[in-house]
């Protein structure tokens, strides 16, 4: 019942092709479920990337050296 919006959108898209909409409803249900799983992971990755980027820029500003350089 949580994925009703995905089912409705999928069914509407599938009906445009002249199909019954059942396959589209199933696809929409699965797509919405996958999005609910993947979206928090993407947001977490983006925040982590931003934090390390800003820290590296801060270190470079303080020391004047490339923080990612390995010799």
Protein backbone atom coordinates (compact mmCIF):
# COMPACT_ATOMS: atom_id res chain seq x y z
CA UNK A 1 0.00 0.00 0.00
CA UNK A 2 3.01 2.30 0.42
CA UNK A 3 3.91 2.19 -3.26
CA UNK A 4 0.52 3.18 -4.68
CA UNK A 5 1.90 6.29 -6.39
CA UNK A 6 4.53 4.25 -8.25
CA UNK A 7 1.92 1.73 -9.27
CA UNK A 8 -0.41 4.44 -10.59
CA UNK A 9 2.34 6.18 -12.56
CA UNK A 10 3.60 2.89 -13.99
CA UNK A 11 0.10 1.83 -14.99
CA UNK A 12 -0.59 5.18 -16.67
CA UNK A 13 2.64 4.98 -18.66
CA UNK A 14 1.92 1.39 -19.68
CA UNK A 15 -1.64 2.25 -20.77
CA UNK A 16 -0.29 4.86 -23.18
CA UNK A 17 1.18 2.00 -25.21
CA UNK A 18 -2.21 0.31 -25.37
CA UNK A 19 -1.42 -2.35 -22.78
CA UNK A 20 -3.58 -3.18 -19.79
CA UNK A 21 -1.35 -1.37 -17.32
CA UNK A 22 -0.73 -4.34 -15.03
CA UNK A 23 2.89 -4.76 -16.11
CA UNK A 24 3.43 -1.02 -15.72
CA UNK A 25 1.91 -1.09 -12.24
CA UNK A 26 4.28 -3.89 -11.24
CA UNK A 27 7.24 -2.02 -12.74
CA UNK A 28 6.23 1.19 -10.98
CA UNK A 29 5.90 -0.65 -7.69
CA UNK A 30 9.39 -2.12 -8.05
CA UNK A 31 10.90 1.17 -9.23
CA UNK A 32 9.47 3.09 -6.28
CA UNK A 33 10.73 0.43 -3.87
CA UNK A 34 14.20 0.58 -5.42
CA UNK A 35 14.19 4.37 -5.23
CA UNK A 36 13.31 4.24 -1.53
CA UNK A 37 16.31 1.96 -1.02
CA UNK A 38 18.85 3.80 -3.18
CA UNK A 39 17.98 7.44 -2.41
CA UNK A 40 19.28 7.42 1.21
CA UNK A 41 22.51 5.76 0.05
CA UNK A 42 23.05 8.43 -2.60
CA UNK A 43 22.39 11.24 -0.12
CA UNK A 44 24.79 9.69 2.41
CA UNK A 45 27.48 9.35 -0.25
CA UNK A 46 27.00 12.95 -1.38
CA UNK A 47 27.27 14.31 2.16
CA UNK A 48 30.39 12.24 2.83
CA UNK A 49 31.98 13.39 -0.41
CA UNK A 50 31.19 17.02 0.40
CA UNK A 51 32.70 16.76 3.88
CA UNK A 52 35.96 15.23 2.66
CA UNK A 53 36.14 17.75 -0.20
CA UNK A 54 35.75 20.71 2.16
CA UNK A 55 38.26 19.26 4.62
CA UNK A 56 40.79 18.79 1.84
CA UNK A 57 40.23 22.37 0.64
CA UNK A 58 40.67 23.61 4.22
CA UNK A 59 43.92 21.71 4.65
CA UNK A 60 45.19 23.04 1.34
CA UNK A 61 44.28 26.60 2.37
CA UNK A 62 46.08 26.28 5.71
CA UNK A 63 49.22 24.43 4.59
CA UNK A 64 49.46 25.58 0.98
CA UNK A 65 50.11 22.00 -0.11
CA UNK A 66 48.00 19.48 -1.96
CA UNK A 67 46.30 17.38 0.73
CA UNK A 68 45.82 14.45 -1.65
CA UNK A 69 49.42 14.35 -2.86
CA UNK A 70 51.36 11.21 -2.03
CA UNK A 71 55.13 11.15 -2.35
